[in-house]
Amino acid sequence: MAIESTEESAESRDFVTALARGLDVLRVCAGRPEGLTLSEVANFVALPRAAVRRSLITLVSTGYLFQTGRLFIPTTKVLSLSARVKDMPLPRLAQPILESLSKVLDESASLAVLDGKDILYIGRAEANRILSVDLSVGARLPAWCTSMGRVLLASLPEEERKQHIPDQLTMRTVHTIGDKSQLNGAFDSIRKQGFCILDQELELGLRSVAAPVYDSTGKVIAALNVGMHAARLSLDAVDENVVPAVVKAAQDLSEAIQLQNK
């Protein structure tokens, strides 16, 4: 017991609470380019306002945020950190696959991982189309109402999944699933069919298709998707043309990961 106490004490000495809190604050602010107030940040990170205020002031002083009125807004210094995500092994493997998929379908393709209650974009191949949702590497969206998020959440045990879903589901559009029992039913369907079609639940006029990406142990570690205007393709066309292409791209990336780890 004495040895365990000594080890725990050493770990406590090495852990810098202020740094951990500051990183949480930075992560939240980086995902909200429109800016957040002190109260909003404190609510997101579940920390006392005084602690959050110190972190925000430090981040402003070091150039990661700037303050205008009550809002704290991320600077390009934060964006430069996000941009380096593309140099990580998984995004590097994914990029040619995303670009090929985007070219074949003439739509934007993305790669994301689960991060708390959000998905974090770590790869992106842009098509020459304009969507009102501004997405790039480093962007975040709520996991529960996005196609990639649902693929990632569907892979988790139910108890673990609950940690990544907000207590209150906010309707984004008239099509958004706002009932948790229906949402769990959607997760069951995604697991069985191996992909997710999201039809205008995040934003009116926006459809997307996502499929899981597996590591060498068979664990889902990311999701790959394609987003498109609903007016461009019917659901039948999405099912016939887009779904097979997205599933194949996700399989290709999974195979590339497995080959790399051999």
C-alpha atoms as a PDB file:
ATOM      1  CA  MET A   1       0.000   0.000   0.000  1.00  0.00           C
ATOM      2  CA  ALA A   2       2.849   2.341   0.830  1.00  0.00           C
ATOM      3  CA  ILE A   3       4.351   1.831  -2.625  1.00  0.00           C
ATOM      4  CA  GLU A   4       1.026   2.631  -4.303  1.00  0.00           C
ATOM      5  CA  SER A   5       0.647   5.794  -2.211  1.00  0.00           C
ATOM      6  CA  THR A   6       4.135   6.927  -3.177  1.00  0.00           C
ATOM      7  CA  GLU A   7       3.419   6.328  -6.878  1.00  0.00           C
ATOM      8  CA  GLU A   8       0.112   8.200  -6.684  1.00  0.00           C
ATOM      9  CA  SER A   9       1.840  11.078  -4.901  1.00  0.00           C
ATOM     10  CA  ALA A  10       4.500  11.261  -7.610  1.00  0.00           C
ATOM     11  CA  GLU A  11       1.827  11.299 -10.315  1.00  0.00           C
ATOM     12  CA  SER A  12       0.047  14.128  -8.507  1.00  0.00           C
ATOM     13  CA  ARG A  13       3.247  16.151  -8.325  1.00  0.00           C
ATOM     14  CA  ASP A  14       3.850  15.682 -12.045  1.00  0.00           C
ATOM     15  CA  PHE A  15       0.310  16.622 -13.069  1.00  0.00           C
ATOM     16  CA  VAL A  16      -0.136  20.357 -13.726  1.00  0.00           C
ATOM     17  CA  THR A  17      -3.782  21.132 -13.049  1.00  0.00           C
ATOM     18  CA  ALA A  18      -3.616  24.670 -14.434  1.00  0.00           C
ATOM     19  CA  LEU A  19      -2.164  23.388 -17.720  1.00  0.00           C
ATOM     20  CA  ALA A  20      -4.853  20.710 -18.018  1.00  0.00           C
ATOM     21  CA  ARG A  21      -7.565  23.284 -17.427  1.00  0.00           C
ATOM     22  CA  GLY A  22      -5.998  25.687 -19.902  1.00  0.00           C
ATOM     23  CA  LEU A  23      -5.883  22.996 -22.586  1.00  0.00           C
ATOM     24  CA  ASP A  24      -9.550  22.188 -22.001  1.00  0.00           C
ATOM     25  CA  VAL A  25     -10.409  25.873 -22.356  1.00  0.00           C
ATOM     26  CA  LEU A  26      -8.315  26.174 -25.523  1.00  0.00           C
ATOM     27  CA  ARG A  27      -9.936  23.076 -27.038  1.00  0.00           C
ATOM     28  CA  VAL A  28     -13.428  24.464 -26.473  1.00  0.00           C
ATOM     29  CA  CYS A  29     -12.556  27.912 -27.819  1.00  0.00           C
ATOM     30  CA  ALA A  30     -10.806  26.468 -30.874  1.00  0.00           C
ATOM     31  CA  GLY A  31     -14.011  24.671 -31.839  1.00  0.00           C
ATOM     32  CA  ARG A  32     -16.091  27.861 -31.697  1.00  0.00           C
ATOM     33  CA  PRO A  33     -14.543  30.360 -34.154  1.00  0.00           C
ATOM     34  CA  GLU A  34     -17.459  32.759 -33.627  1.00  0.00           C
ATOM     35  CA  GLY A  35     -16.305  33.244 -30.034  1.00  0.00           C
ATOM     36  CA  LEU A  36     -17.567  32.339 -26.558  1.00  0.00           C
ATOM     37  CA  THR A  37     -18.189  34.273 -23.373  1.00  0.00           C
ATOM     38  CA  LEU A  38     -16.529  33.392 -20.098  1.00  0.00           C
ATOM     39  CA  SER A  39     -19.794  31.896 -18.826  1.00  0.00           C
ATOM     40  CA  GLU A  40     -20.203  29.758 -21.942  1.00  0.00           C
ATOM     41  CA  VAL A  41     -16.650  28.422 -21.694  1.00  0.00           C
ATOM     42  CA  ALA A  42     -17.108  27.662 -17.977  1.00  0.00           C
ATOM     43  CA  ASN A  43     -20.284  25.765 -18.806  1.00  0.00           C
ATOM     44  CA  PHE A  44     -18.612  23.722 -21.549  1.00  0.00           C
ATOM     45  CA  VAL A  45     -15.597  22.703 -19.449  1.00  0.00           C
ATOM     46  CA  ALA A  46     -17.512  22.405 -16.140  1.00  0.00           C
ATOM     47  CA  LEU A  47     -14.963  24.471 -14.219  1.00  0.00           C
ATOM     48  CA  PRO A  48     -15.287  27.435 -11.828  1.00  0.00           C
ATOM     49  CA  ARG A  49     -15.517  30.809 -13.532  1.00  0.00           C
ATOM     50  CA  ALA A  50     -12.430  32.077 -11.685  1.00  0.00           C
ATOM     51  CA  ALA A  51     -10.287  29.222 -13.029  1.00  0.00           C
ATOM     52  CA  VAL A  52     -11.647  29.671 -16.547  1.00  0.00           C
ATOM     53  CA  ARG A  53     -11.042  33.427 -16.392  1.00  0.00           C
ATOM     54  CA  ARG A  54      -7.369  32.862 -15.517  1.00  0.00           C
ATOM     55  CA  SER A  55      -7.002  30.430 -18.422  1.00  0.00           C
ATOM     56  CA  LEU A  56      -8.684  32.815 -20.851  1.00  0.00           C
ATOM     57  CA  ILE A  57      -6.531  35.762 -19.786  1.00  0.00           C
ATOM     58  CA  THR A  58      -3.399  33.615 -20.175  1.00  0.00           C
ATOM     59  CA  LEU A  59      -4.462  32.472 -23.651  1.00  0.00           C
ATOM     60  CA  VAL A  60      -5.157  36.067 -24.671  1.00  0.00           C
ATOM     61  CA  SER A  61      -1.738  37.131 -23.350  1.00  0.00           C
ATOM     62  CA  THR A  62       0.019  34.335 -25.280  1.00  0.00           C
ATOM     63  CA  GLY A  63      -1.812  35.120 -28.529  1.00  0.00           C
ATOM     64  CA  TYR A  64      -4.052  32.057 -28.836  1.00  0.00           C
ATOM     65  CA  LEU A  65      -7.226  34.076 -28.224  1.00  0.00           C
ATOM     66  CA  PHE A  66      -8.260  37.683 -28.568  1.00  0.00           C
ATOM     67  CA  GLN A  67     -11.011  39.410 -26.643  1.00  0.00           C
ATOM     68  CA  THR A  68     -13.632  41.669 -28.113  1.00  0.00           C
ATOM     69  CA  GLY A  69     -16.230  42.802 -25.619  1.00  0.00           C
ATOM     70  CA  ARG A  70     -17.393  39.705 -23.742  1.00  0.00           C
ATOM     71  CA  LEU A  71     -16.300  37.289 -26.476  1.00  0.00           C
ATOM     72  CA  PHE A  72     -13.064  35.276 -26.563  1.00  0.00           C
ATOM     73  CA  ILE A  73     -12.200  34.335 -30.152  1.00  0.00           C
ATOM     74  CA  PRO A  74      -9.458  31.962 -31.402  1.00  0.00           C
ATOM     75  CA  THR A  75      -6.642  33.502 -33.439  1.00  0.00           C
ATOM     76  CA  THR A  76      -4.698  32.094 -36.389  1.00  0.00           C
ATOM     77  CA  LYS A  77      -2.186  30.787 -33.849  1.00  0.00           C
ATOM     78  CA  VAL A  78      -4.806  28.209 -32.842  1.00  0.00           C
ATOM     79  CA  LEU A  79      -5.568  27.453 -36.485  1.00  0.00           C
ATOM     80  CA  SER A  80      -1.877  26.730 -37.097  1.00  0.00           C
ATOM     81  CA  LEU A  81      -2.038  24.030 -34.432  1.00  0.00           C
ATOM     82  CA  SER A  82      -5.080  22.479 -36.112  1.00  0.00           C
ATOM     83  CA  ALA A  83      -3.436  22.630 -39.526  1.00  0.00           C
ATOM     84  CA  ARG A  84      -0.632  20.360 -38.305  1.00  0.00           C
ATOM     85  CA  VAL A  85      -3.127  17.562 -37.762  1.00  0.00           C
ATOM     86  CA  LYS A  86      -2.687  16.678 -41.426  1.00  0.00           C
ATOM     87  CA  ASP A  87       0.903  15.630 -40.695  1.00  0.00           C
ATOM     88  CA  MET A  88      -0.242  12.850 -38.348  1.00  0.00           C
ATOM     89  CA  PRO A  89      -0.065   9.264 -39.708  1.00  0.00           C
ATOM     90  CA  LEU A  90      -3.830   8.658 -40.065  1.00  0.00           C
ATOM     91  CA  PRO A  91      -4.598  11.872 -42.002  1.00  0.00           C
ATOM     92  CA  ARG A  92      -1.559  11.264 -44.216  1.00  0.00           C
ATOM     93  CA  LEU A  93      -2.814   7.793 -45.106  1.00  0.00           C
ATOM     94  CA  ALA A  94      -6.331   9.106 -45.629  1.00  0.00           C
ATOM     95  CA  GLN A  95      -5.612  12.141 -47.802  1.00  0.00           C
ATOM     96  CA  PRO A  96      -5.130  10.402 -51.183  1.00  0.00           C
ATOM     97  CA  ILE A  97      -8.200   8.258 -50.515  1.00  0.00           C
ATOM     98  CA  LEU A  98     -10.279  11.327 -49.620  1.00  0.00           C
ATOM     99  CA  GLU A  99      -9.073  13.150 -52.730  1.00  0.00           C
ATOM    100  CA  SER A 100      -9.884  10.188 -54.974  1.00  0.00           C
ATOM    101  CA  LEU A 101     -13.350   9.816 -53.448  1.00  0.00           C
ATOM    102  CA  SER A 102     -14.019  13.538 -53.804  1.00  0.00           C
ATOM    103  CA  LYS A 103     -12.965  13.462 -57.440  1.00  0.00           C
ATOM    104  CA  VAL A 104     -15.105  10.419 -58.292  1.00  0.00           C
ATOM    105  CA  LEU A 105     -18.268  11.812 -56.662  1.00  0.00           C
ATOM    106  CA  ASP A 106     -17.540  15.512 -57.229  1.00  0.00           C
ATOM    107  CA  GLU A 107     -18.346  16.140 -53.564  1.00  0.00           C
ATOM    108  CA  SER A 108     -16.269  17.006 -50.508  1.00  0.00           C
ATOM    109  CA  ALA A 109     -14.929  14.086 -48.454  1.00  0.00           C
ATOM    110  CA  SER A 110     -13.850  14.178 -44.816  1.00  0.00           C
ATOM    111  CA  LEU A 111     -12.287  12.143 -42.028  1.00  0.00           C
ATOM    112  CA  ALA A 112     -13.096  12.659 -38.350  1.00  0.00           C
ATOM    113  CA  VAL A 113     -12.513  11.174 -34.910  1.00  0.00           C
ATOM    114  CA  LEU A 114     -14.593  11.331 -31.747  1.00  0.00           C
ATOM    115  CA  ASP A 115     -13.532  13.962 -29.211  1.00  0.00           C
ATOM    116  CA  GLY A 116     -15.836  14.279 -26.226  1.00  0.00           C
ATOM    117  CA  LYS A 117     -19.321  15.149 -27.437  1.00  0.00           C
ATOM    118  CA  ASP A 118     -17.938  16.398 -30.781  1.00  0.00           C
ATOM    119  CA  ILE A 119     -16.348  15.012 -33.878  1.00  0.00           C
ATOM    120  CA  LEU A 120     -13.007  16.559 -34.811  1.00  0.00           C
ATOM    121  CA  TYR A 121     -12.158  16.878 -38.507  1.00  0.00           C
ATOM    122  CA  ILE A 122      -8.657  15.531 -39.172  1.00  0.00           C
ATOM    123  CA  GLY A 123      -8.812  15.178 -42.957  1.00  0.00           C
ATOM    124  CA  ARG A 124     -10.626  16.969 -45.782  1.00  0.00           C
ATOM    125  CA  ALA A 125     -10.729  16.967 -49.572  1.00  0.00           C
ATOM    126  CA  GLU A 126     -12.777  19.878 -50.902  1.00  0.00           C
ATOM    127  CA  ALA A 127     -14.980  19.882 -53.972  1.00  0.00           C
ATOM    128  CA  ASN A 128     -15.762  23.176 -55.670  1.00  0.00           C
ATOM    129  CA  ARG A 129     -19.105  23.524 -53.942  1.00  0.00           C
ATOM    130  CA  ILE A 130     -20.326  25.904 -51.279  1.00  0.00           C
ATOM    131  CA  LEU A 131     -22.079  24.702 -48.140  1.00  0.00           C
ATOM    132  CA  SER A 132     -23.144  27.029 -45.348  1.00  0.00           C
ATOM    133  CA  VAL A 133     -21.441  24.689 -42.838  1.00  0.00           C
ATOM    134  CA  ASP A 134     -17.811  25.832 -42.815  1.00  0.00           C
ATOM    135  CA  LEU A 135     -15.684  22.703 -42.482  1.00  0.00           C
ATOM    136  CA  SER A 136     -11.928  22.277 -42.494  1.00  0.00           C
ATOM    137  CA  VAL A 137      -9.271  20.358 -40.577  1.00  0.00           C
ATOM    138  CA  GLY A 138      -9.730  21.213 -36.912  1.00  0.00           C
ATOM    139  CA  ALA A 139     -13.463  21.941 -37.231  1.00  0.00           C
ATOM    140  CA  ARG A 140     -15.913  20.420 -34.756  1.00  0.00           C
ATOM    141  CA  LEU A 141     -19.555  19.407 -34.941  1.00  0.00           C
ATOM    142  CA  PRO A 142     -21.863  17.667 -32.456  1.00  0.00           C
ATOM    143  CA  ALA A 143     -21.301  13.918 -32.759  1.00  0.00           C
ATOM    144  CA  TRP A 144     -24.868  12.771 -32.171  1.00  0.00           C
ATOM    145  CA  CYS A 145     -26.395  14.614 -35.163  1.00  0.00           C
ATOM    146  CA  THR A 146     -23.659  14.086 -37.785  1.00  0.00           C
ATOM    147  CA  SER A 147     -23.146  11.053 -40.009  1.00  0.00           C
ATOM    148  CA  MET A 148     -19.533  10.498 -38.926  1.00  0.00           C
ATOM    149  CA  GLY A 149     -20.446  11.045 -35.297  1.00  0.00           C
ATOM    150  CA  ARG A 150     -23.224   8.474 -35.454  1.00  0.00           C
ATOM    151  CA  VAL A 151     -20.904   5.930 -37.049  1.00  0.00           C
ATOM    152  CA  LEU A 152     -18.389   6.483 -34.248  1.00  0.00           C
ATOM    153  CA  LEU A 153     -21.030   6.431 -31.505  1.00  0.00           C
ATOM    154  CA  ALA A 154     -22.664   3.300 -32.935  1.00  0.00           C
ATOM    155  CA  SER A 155     -19.385   1.418 -32.432  1.00  0.00           C
ATOM    156  CA  LEU A 156     -19.332   2.089 -28.677  1.00  0.00           C
ATOM    157  CA  PRO A 157     -20.952   0.122 -25.849  1.00  0.00           C
ATOM    158  CA  GLU A 158     -24.165   1.815 -24.745  1.00  0.00           C
ATOM    159  CA  GLU A 159     -22.836   3.011 -21.369  1.00  0.00           C
ATOM    160  CA  GLU A 160     -19.728   4.522 -22.934  1.00  0.00           C
ATOM    161  CA  ARG A 161     -21.788   6.094 -25.704  1.00  0.00           C
ATOM    162  CA  LYS A 162     -23.879   8.046 -23.191  1.00  0.00           C
ATOM    163  CA  GLN A 163     -20.807  10.056 -22.193  1.00  0.00           C
ATOM    164  CA  HIS A 164     -20.611  11.474 -25.723  1.00  0.00           C
ATOM    165  CA  ILE A 165     -24.267  12.506 -26.077  1.00  0.00           C
ATOM    166  CA  PRO A 166     -25.715  15.648 -24.471  1.00  0.00           C
ATOM    167  CA  ASP A 167     -28.473  15.270 -21.902  1.00  0.00           C
ATOM    168  CA  GLN A 168     -30.763  17.427 -24.044  1.00  0.00           C
ATOM    169  CA  LEU A 169     -30.966  16.837 -27.796  1.00  0.00           C
ATOM    170  CA  THR A 170     -31.471  20.153 -29.580  1.00  0.00           C
ATOM    171  CA  MET A 171     -33.423  19.952 -32.820  1.00  0.00           C
ATOM    172  CA  ARG A 172     -31.199  21.374 -35.580  1.00  0.00           C
ATOM    173  CA  THR A 173     -33.900  21.014 -38.265  1.00  0.00           C
ATOM    174  CA  VAL A 174     -37.396  19.572 -38.534  1.00  0.00           C
ATOM    175  CA  HIS A 175     -35.750  16.290 -39.598  1.00  0.00           C
ATOM    176  CA  THR A 176     -33.426  15.931 -36.590  1.00  0.00           C
ATOM    177  CA  ILE A 177     -33.993  12.916 -34.365  1.00  0.00           C
ATOM    178  CA  GLY A 178     -34.749  14.458 -30.986  1.00  0.00           C
ATOM    179  CA  ASP A 179     -35.719  11.329 -29.057  1.00  0.00           C
ATOM    180  CA  LYS A 180     -32.992   9.207 -27.459  1.00  0.00           C
ATOM    181  CA  SER A 181     -34.802   5.921 -27.975  1.00  0.00           C
ATOM    182  CA  GLN A 182     -35.086   6.687 -31.705  1.00  0.00           C
ATOM    183  CA  LEU A 183     -31.432   7.708 -31.721  1.00  0.00           C
ATOM    184  CA  ASN A 184     -30.456   4.369 -30.160  1.00  0.00           C
ATOM    185  CA  GLY A 185     -32.499   2.662 -32.872  1.00  0.00           C
ATOM    186  CA  ALA A 186     -30.486   4.584 -35.476  1.00  0.00           C
ATOM    187  CA  PHE A 187     -27.252   3.366 -33.853  1.00  0.00           C
ATOM    188  CA  ASP A 188     -28.475  -0.240 -34.075  1.00  0.00           C
ATOM    189  CA  SER A 189     -29.227   0.188 -37.781  1.00  0.00           C
ATOM    190  CA  ILE A 190     -25.835   1.757 -38.454  1.00  0.00           C
ATOM    191  CA  ARG A 191     -24.027  -1.137 -36.776  1.00  0.00           C
ATOM    192  CA  LYS A 192     -25.979  -3.685 -38.826  1.00  0.00           C
ATOM    193  CA  GLN A 193     -25.647  -1.986 -42.218  1.00  0.00           C
ATOM    194  CA  GLY A 194     -22.111  -0.645 -41.783  1.00  0.00           C
ATOM    195  CA  PHE A 195     -22.805   2.961 -42.797  1.00  0.00           C
ATOM    196  CA  CYS A 196     -24.933   5.992 -41.957  1.00  0.00           C
ATOM    197  CA  ILE A 197     -27.063   8.189 -44.221  1.00  0.00           C
ATOM    198  CA  LEU A 198     -27.916  11.499 -42.564  1.00  0.00           C
ATOM    199  CA  ASP A 199     -30.726  13.303 -44.360  1.00  0.00           C
ATOM    200  CA  GLN A 200     -30.971  17.009 -43.499  1.00  0.00           C
ATOM    201  CA  GLU A 201     -30.731  16.478 -39.734  1.00  0.00           C
ATOM    202  CA  LEU A 202     -27.741  18.764 -39.227  1.00  0.00           C
ATOM    203  CA  GLU A 203     -28.781  21.387 -41.762  1.00  0.00           C
ATOM    204  CA  LEU A 204     -31.652  21.692 -44.220  1.00  0.00           C
ATOM    205  CA  GLY A 205     -30.523  20.814 -47.720  1.00  0.00           C
ATOM    206  CA  LEU A 206     -27.480  18.827 -46.533  1.00  0.00           C
ATOM    207  CA  ARG A 207     -27.152  15.056 -46.836  1.00  0.00           C
ATOM    208  CA  SER A 208     -24.138  12.986 -45.899  1.00  0.00           C
ATOM    209  CA  VAL A 209     -22.973   9.384 -45.927  1.00  0.00           C
ATOM    210  CA  ALA A 210     -20.383   8.012 -43.504  1.00  0.00           C
ATOM    211  CA  ALA A 211     -18.664   4.669 -42.925  1.00  0.00           C
ATOM    212  CA  PRO A 212     -16.344   3.401 -40.177  1.00  0.00           C
ATOM    213  CA  VAL A 213     -12.563   3.130 -40.395  1.00  0.00           C
ATOM    214  CA  TYR A 214     -10.964   0.251 -38.454  1.00  0.00           C
ATOM    215  CA  ASP A 215      -7.514  -0.280 -36.975  1.00  0.00           C
ATOM    216  CA  SER A 216      -5.619  -3.591 -37.118  1.00  0.00           C
ATOM    217  CA  THR A 217      -7.503  -4.893 -34.038  1.00  0.00           C
ATOM    218  CA  GLY A 218     -10.915  -4.302 -35.595  1.00  0.00           C
ATOM    219  CA  LYS A 219     -11.683  -1.251 -33.481  1.00  0.00           C
ATOM    220  CA  VAL A 220     -13.420   1.745 -35.093  1.00  0.00           C
ATOM    221  CA  ILE A 221     -10.948   4.627 -34.803  1.00  0.00           C
ATOM    222  CA  ALA A 222     -12.360   7.155 -37.284  1.00  0.00           C
ATOM    223  CA  ALA A 223     -15.168   7.772 -39.737  1.00  0.00           C
ATOM    224  CA  LEU A 224     -15.066   8.860 -43.366  1.00  0.00           C
ATOM    225  CA  ASN A 225     -17.855  10.703 -45.117  1.00  0.00           C
ATOM    226  CA  VAL A 226     -19.111  12.611 -48.124  1.00  0.00           C
ATOM    227  CA  GLY A 227     -21.537  15.525 -47.860  1.00  0.00           C
ATOM    228  CA  MET A 228     -23.783  16.808 -50.621  1.00  0.00           C
ATOM    229  CA  HIS A 229     -26.706  19.106 -51.373  1.00  0.00           C
ATOM    230  CA  ALA A 230     -30.005  17.242 -51.084  1.00  0.00           C
ATOM    231  CA  ALA A 231     -31.206  18.856 -54.309  1.00  0.00           C
ATOM    232  CA  ARG A 232     -28.359  17.314 -56.278  1.00  0.00           C
ATOM    233  CA  LEU A 233     -29.048  13.679 -55.514  1.00  0.00           C
ATOM    234  CA  SER A 234     -32.182  11.785 -54.511  1.00  0.00           C
ATOM    235  CA  LEU A 235     -32.007   9.345 -51.618  1.00  0.00           C
ATOM    236  CA  ASP A 236     -32.218   6.488 -54.126  1.00  0.00           C
ATOM    237  CA  ALA A 237     -29.215   7.881 -55.998  1.00  0.00           C
ATOM    238  CA  VAL A 238     -27.334   8.342 -52.726  1.00  0.00           C
ATOM    239  CA  ASP A 239     -28.029   4.729 -51.774  1.00  0.00           C
ATOM    240  CA  GLU A 240     -27.047   3.434 -55.213  1.00  0.00           C
ATOM    241  CA  ASN A 241     -23.974   5.550 -55.976  1.00  0.00           C
ATOM    242  CA  VAL A 242     -22.641   7.308 -52.896  1.00  0.00           C
ATOM    243  CA  VAL A 243     -22.956   4.626 -50.228  1.00  0.00           C
ATOM    244  CA  PRO A 244     -20.857   1.981 -52.078  1.00  0.00           C
ATOM    245  CA  ALA A 245     -18.146   4.544 -52.861  1.00  0.00           C
ATOM    246  CA  VAL A 246     -17.922   5.773 -49.257  1.00  0.00           C
ATOM    247  CA  VAL A 247     -17.921   2.251 -47.804  1.00  0.00           C
ATOM    248  CA  LYS A 248     -15.181   1.213 -50.263  1.00  0.00           C
ATOM    249  CA  ALA A 249     -13.057   4.263 -49.395  1.00  0.00           C
ATOM    250  CA  ALA A 250     -13.390   3.496 -45.667  1.00  0.00           C
ATOM    251  CA  GLN A 251     -12.403  -0.121 -46.335  1.00  0.00           C
ATOM    252  CA  ASP A 252      -9.396   1.004 -48.377  1.00  0.00           C
ATOM    253  CA  LEU A 253      -8.236   3.246 -45.533  1.00  0.00           C
ATOM    254  CA  SER A 254      -8.759   0.449 -42.986  1.00  0.00           C
ATOM    255  CA  GLU A 255      -6.632  -1.879 -45.129  1.00  0.00           C
ATOM    256  CA  ALA A 256      -3.921   0.779 -45.462  1.00  0.00           C
ATOM    257  CA  ILE A 257      -3.834   1.132 -41.665  1.00  0.00           C
ATOM    258  CA  GLN A 258      -3.566  -2.611 -41.207  1.00  0.00           C
ATOM    259  CA  LEU A 259      -0.748  -2.901 -43.760  1.00  0.00           C
ATOM    260  CA  GLN A 260       1.152  -0.088 -42.074  1.00  0.00           C
ATOM    261  CA  ASN A 261       0.916  -1.819 -38.691  1.00  0.00           C
ATOM    262  CA  LYS A 262       2.186  -5.198 -39.919  1.00  0.00           C
END
